[in-house]
Amino acid sequence: MKTVKFRGKSIETGEWLYGSLINNAFYQGETPVLFIIDTAKMDYDCFEDFTEQIDDFKVSCADQYTGLTDKCGTEIYEGDILQYDSPSPWHHHKYPIIFDDGAFQFDDEMDILEGFMLSQENIKYKHGFVIVGNIYEDPELLDVEA
């Protein structure tokens, strides 16, 4: 069975939370408020205690787990940036992970990985891909070098 979980960056603390996504249940005006319920960080015995802690789980983004790991065993989430781990200068490109057309895939605007599916076998192919950052904390990694 596929593991369905999400990660989001806490608005309160700035730390990453991992767990279940609550979306479209609470609104600020017309904008839905996102929550990641990280059970490892919760301390409640009943619903009343939970609602007192709900602001601790408000997140600025929510990315789904792909079900895959990089060559080091780190879980890959939508929004992570991967790079092929090779000394060759031909392999210096970085690829954010997106969800498009019903599947997780490399966001490859230059078509370098055309036809290269995002799968566990391909992630670990030869030298393998590693997570080098994410689109929220490391957007500069995606700047195209001249």
C-alpha atoms as a PDB file:
ATOM      1  CA  MET A   1       0.000   0.000   0.000  1.00  0.00           C
ATOM      2  CA  LYS A   2       1.274   3.459  -0.913  1.00  0.00           C
ATOM      3  CA  THR A   3       2.155   5.786   1.940  1.00  0.00           C
ATOM      4  CA  VAL A   4       0.253   9.062   1.558  1.00  0.00           C
ATOM      5  CA  LYS A   5       1.751  11.867   3.608  1.00  0.00           C
ATOM      6  CA  PHE A   6       2.668  15.489   3.260  1.00  0.00           C
ATOM      7  CA  ARG A   7       5.198  17.980   4.506  1.00  0.00           C
ATOM      8  CA  GLY A   8       4.721  21.663   5.108  1.00  0.00           C
ATOM      9  CA  LYS A   9       6.703  24.524   6.585  1.00  0.00           C
ATOM     10  CA  SER A  10       5.222  25.736   9.874  1.00  0.00           C
ATOM     11  CA  ILE A  11       4.167  29.383   9.844  1.00  0.00           C
ATOM     12  CA  GLU A  12       4.718  29.532  13.636  1.00  0.00           C
ATOM     13  CA  THR A  13       8.191  27.959  13.918  1.00  0.00           C
ATOM     14  CA  GLY A  14       9.598  27.665  10.386  1.00  0.00           C
ATOM     15  CA  GLU A  15      10.278  23.965  10.891  1.00  0.00           C
ATOM     16  CA  TRP A  16       9.123  21.218   8.549  1.00  0.00           C
ATOM     17  CA  LEU A  17       6.099  19.192   9.668  1.00  0.00           C
ATOM     18  CA  TYR A  18       5.330  15.733   8.271  1.00  0.00           C
ATOM     19  CA  GLY A  19       1.969  13.990   8.365  1.00  0.00           C
ATOM     20  CA  SER A  20      -1.623  14.328   7.207  1.00  0.00           C
ATOM     21  CA  LEU A  21      -2.902  17.323   5.251  1.00  0.00           C
ATOM     22  CA  ILE A  22      -6.017  19.205   6.297  1.00  0.00           C
ATOM     23  CA  ASN A  23      -7.162  21.405   3.437  1.00  0.00           C
ATOM     24  CA  ASN A  24     -10.406  23.274   2.733  1.00  0.00           C
ATOM     25  CA  ALA A  25     -11.663  22.800   6.292  1.00  0.00           C
ATOM     26  CA  PHE A  26     -10.696  26.256   7.606  1.00  0.00           C
ATOM     27  CA  TYR A  27     -10.620  29.558   5.737  1.00  0.00           C
ATOM     28  CA  GLN A  28      -9.231  33.048   6.190  1.00  0.00           C
ATOM     29  CA  GLY A  29     -11.680  35.022   4.097  1.00  0.00           C
ATOM     30  CA  GLU A  30     -11.917  32.999   0.893  1.00  0.00           C
ATOM     31  CA  THR A  31      -8.436  31.494   1.184  1.00  0.00           C
ATOM     32  CA  PRO A  32      -8.139  27.936   2.551  1.00  0.00           C
ATOM     33  CA  VAL A  33      -5.732  27.503   5.460  1.00  0.00           C
ATOM     34  CA  LEU A  34      -3.400  24.498   5.208  1.00  0.00           C
ATOM     35  CA  PHE A  35      -2.495  22.334   8.190  1.00  0.00           C
ATOM     36  CA  ILE A  36      -0.120  19.379   8.433  1.00  0.00           C
ATOM     37  CA  ILE A  37      -1.000  17.210  11.405  1.00  0.00           C
ATOM     38  CA  ASP A  38       2.365  15.932  12.609  1.00  0.00           C
ATOM     39  CA  THR A  39       1.378  13.350  15.218  1.00  0.00           C
ATOM     40  CA  ALA A  40       4.969  13.122  16.495  1.00  0.00           C
ATOM     41  CA  LYS A  41       4.703  16.747  17.652  1.00  0.00           C
ATOM     42  CA  MET A  42       1.149  16.670  19.001  1.00  0.00           C
ATOM     43  CA  ASP A  43       0.274  16.491  22.657  1.00  0.00           C
ATOM     44  CA  TYR A  44      -3.467  16.056  23.099  1.00  0.00           C
ATOM     45  CA  ASP A  45      -5.920  13.668  24.706  1.00  0.00           C
ATOM     46  CA  CYS A  46      -9.138  14.989  23.218  1.00  0.00           C
ATOM     47  CA  PHE A  47     -10.464  17.252  20.481  1.00  0.00           C
ATOM     48  CA  GLU A  48     -10.546  20.300  22.770  1.00  0.00           C
ATOM     49  CA  ASP A  49      -6.803  19.958  23.433  1.00  0.00           C
ATOM     50  CA  PHE A  50      -6.198  19.519  19.702  1.00  0.00           C
ATOM     51  CA  THR A  51      -7.997  22.756  18.776  1.00  0.00           C
ATOM     52  CA  GLU A  52      -5.823  24.655  21.275  1.00  0.00           C
ATOM     53  CA  GLN A  53      -2.735  23.478  19.357  1.00  0.00           C
ATOM     54  CA  ILE A  54      -4.069  23.837  15.803  1.00  0.00           C
ATOM     55  CA  ASP A  55      -2.116  27.044  15.053  1.00  0.00           C
ATOM     56  CA  ASP A  56       1.112  25.126  15.687  1.00  0.00           C
ATOM     57  CA  PHE A  57       0.321  23.062  12.580  1.00  0.00           C
ATOM     58  CA  LYS A  58      -0.582  25.859  10.158  1.00  0.00           C
ATOM     59  CA  VAL A  59       1.770  25.665   7.141  1.00  0.00           C
ATOM     60  CA  SER A  60       2.727  27.979   4.302  1.00  0.00           C
ATOM     61  CA  CYS A  61       2.966  25.153   1.737  1.00  0.00           C
ATOM     62  CA  ALA A  62       2.050  21.486   1.425  1.00  0.00           C
ATOM     63  CA  ASP A  63       3.967  18.965  -0.662  1.00  0.00           C
ATOM     64  CA  GLN A  64       3.073  15.309  -1.111  1.00  0.00           C
ATOM     65  CA  TYR A  65       5.526  12.450  -0.563  1.00  0.00           C
ATOM     66  CA  THR A  66       6.325  10.742  -3.878  1.00  0.00           C
ATOM     67  CA  GLY A  67       6.809   7.303  -2.335  1.00  0.00           C
ATOM     68  CA  LEU A  68      10.450   7.392  -3.529  1.00  0.00           C
ATOM     69  CA  THR A  69      13.826   7.950  -1.868  1.00  0.00           C
ATOM     70  CA  ASP A  70      17.017   9.415  -3.286  1.00  0.00           C
ATOM     71  CA  LYS A  71      20.210   7.352  -3.501  1.00  0.00           C
ATOM     72  CA  CYS A  72      20.950   8.156   0.169  1.00  0.00           C
ATOM     73  CA  GLY A  73      17.542   6.907   1.339  1.00  0.00           C
ATOM     74  CA  THR A  74      16.029  10.364   1.967  1.00  0.00           C
ATOM     75  CA  GLU A  75      12.307  10.659   1.191  1.00  0.00           C
ATOM     76  CA  ILE A  76      11.524  12.698  -1.932  1.00  0.00           C
ATOM     77  CA  TYR A  77       8.664  15.210  -1.769  1.00  0.00           C
ATOM     78  CA  GLU A  78       7.074  17.387  -4.401  1.00  0.00           C
ATOM     79  CA  GLY A  79       9.116  20.617  -4.370  1.00  0.00           C
ATOM     80  CA  ASP A  80      12.455  18.902  -3.698  1.00  0.00           C
ATOM     81  CA  ILE A  81      15.318  19.675  -6.065  1.00  0.00           C
ATOM     82  CA  LEU A  82      17.296  16.679  -7.337  1.00  0.00           C
ATOM     83  CA  GLN A  83      20.648  16.511  -9.088  1.00  0.00           C
ATOM     84  CA  TYR A  84      22.397  13.569 -10.708  1.00  0.00           C
ATOM     85  CA  ASP A  85      25.351  12.722  -8.446  1.00  0.00           C
ATOM     86  CA  SER A  86      28.161  12.517 -10.987  1.00  0.00           C
ATOM     87  CA  PRO A  87      31.473  14.359 -11.374  1.00  0.00           C
ATOM     88  CA  SER A  88      30.760  14.901 -15.078  1.00  0.00           C
ATOM     89  CA  PRO A  89      30.061  18.550 -16.034  1.00  0.00           C
ATOM     90  CA  TRP A  90      27.227  17.237 -18.221  1.00  0.00           C
ATOM     91  CA  HIS A  91      25.337  16.238 -15.083  1.00  0.00           C
ATOM     92  CA  HIS A  92      25.203  19.565 -13.231  1.00  0.00           C
ATOM     93  CA  HIS A  93      21.523  20.296 -13.958  1.00  0.00           C
ATOM     94  CA  LYS A  94      19.050  20.435 -11.089  1.00  0.00           C
ATOM     95  CA  TYR A  95      15.432  19.317 -11.367  1.00  0.00           C
ATOM     96  CA  PRO A  96      12.522  20.248  -9.096  1.00  0.00           C
ATOM     97  CA  ILE A  97       9.933  17.543  -8.537  1.00  0.00           C
ATOM     98  CA  ILE A  98       6.392  18.456  -9.594  1.00  0.00           C
ATOM     99  CA  PHE A  99       3.020  16.730  -9.795  1.00  0.00           C
ATOM    100  CA  ASP A 100       1.637  17.081 -13.316  1.00  0.00           C
ATOM    101  CA  ASP A 101      -0.645  15.021 -15.549  1.00  0.00           C
ATOM    102  CA  GLY A 102      -1.471  12.687 -12.662  1.00  0.00           C
ATOM    103  CA  ALA A 103       2.137  11.782 -11.817  1.00  0.00           C
ATOM    104  CA  PHE A 104       5.204  13.000  -9.990  1.00  0.00           C
ATOM    105  CA  GLN A 105       7.910  13.976 -12.444  1.00  0.00           C
ATOM    106  CA  PHE A 106      11.067  15.967 -13.033  1.00  0.00           C
ATOM    107  CA  ASP A 107      10.338  19.585 -14.034  1.00  0.00           C
ATOM    108  CA  ASP A 108      12.671  19.500 -17.006  1.00  0.00           C
ATOM    109  CA  GLU A 109      12.191  22.659 -19.050  1.00  0.00           C
ATOM    110  CA  MET A 110      15.272  21.897 -21.183  1.00  0.00           C
ATOM    111  CA  ASP A 111      14.055  18.361 -22.069  1.00  0.00           C
ATOM    112  CA  ILE A 112      17.346  16.802 -20.945  1.00  0.00           C
ATOM    113  CA  LEU A 113      15.462  14.000 -19.205  1.00  0.00           C
ATOM    114  CA  GLU A 114      12.818  13.594 -21.884  1.00  0.00           C
ATOM    115  CA  GLY A 115      11.274  10.144 -21.515  1.00  0.00           C
ATOM    116  CA  PHE A 116      13.090   9.570 -18.193  1.00  0.00           C
ATOM    117  CA  MET A 117      10.359   8.568 -15.740  1.00  0.00           C
ATOM    118  CA  LEU A 118      10.490   9.404 -12.064  1.00  0.00           C
ATOM    119  CA  SER A 119      10.822   5.910 -10.596  1.00  0.00           C
ATOM    120  CA  GLN A 120      12.874   4.319  -7.819  1.00  0.00           C
ATOM    121  CA  GLU A 121      14.920   2.436 -10.411  1.00  0.00           C
ATOM    122  CA  ASN A 122      15.785   5.635 -12.307  1.00  0.00           C
ATOM    123  CA  ILE A 123      16.503   7.626  -9.131  1.00  0.00           C
ATOM    124  CA  LYS A 124      19.218   5.116  -8.198  1.00  0.00           C
ATOM    125  CA  TYR A 125      20.507   4.526 -11.782  1.00  0.00           C
ATOM    126  CA  LYS A 126      24.347   4.362 -11.872  1.00  0.00           C
ATOM    127  CA  HIS A 127      25.540   7.343  -9.773  1.00  0.00           C
ATOM    128  CA  GLY A 128      21.995   8.153  -8.700  1.00  0.00           C
ATOM    129  CA  PHE A 129      20.056  11.331  -7.920  1.00  0.00           C
ATOM    130  CA  VAL A 130      20.354  13.168  -4.608  1.00  0.00           C
ATOM    131  CA  ILE A 131      18.226  15.869  -3.021  1.00  0.00           C
ATOM    132  CA  VAL A 132      20.209  19.126  -3.022  1.00  0.00           C
ATOM    133  CA  GLY A 133      17.475  21.401  -1.665  1.00  0.00           C
ATOM    134  CA  ASN A 134      13.888  22.467  -2.192  1.00  0.00           C
ATOM    135  CA  ILE A 135      12.103  25.235  -4.068  1.00  0.00           C
ATOM    136  CA  TYR A 136      11.203  27.125  -0.867  1.00  0.00           C
ATOM    137  CA  GLU A 137      14.551  27.341   0.918  1.00  0.00           C
ATOM    138  CA  ASP A 138      16.916  27.053  -2.054  1.00  0.00           C
ATOM    139  CA  PRO A 139      15.325  28.722  -5.121  1.00  0.00           C
ATOM    140  CA  GLU A 140      18.751  29.966  -6.217  1.00  0.00           C
ATOM    141  CA  LEU A 141      19.679  26.375  -7.102  1.00  0.00           C
ATOM    142  CA  LEU A 142      17.345  26.634 -10.085  1.00  0.00           C
ATOM    143  CA  ASP A 143      19.028  29.722 -11.551  1.00  0.00           C
ATOM    144  CA  VAL A 144      20.320  28.852 -15.007  1.00  0.00           C
ATOM    145  CA  GLU A 145      24.073  29.251 -15.270  1.00  0.00           C
ATOM    146  CA  ALA A 146      25.395  31.234 -18.221  1.00  0.00           C
END
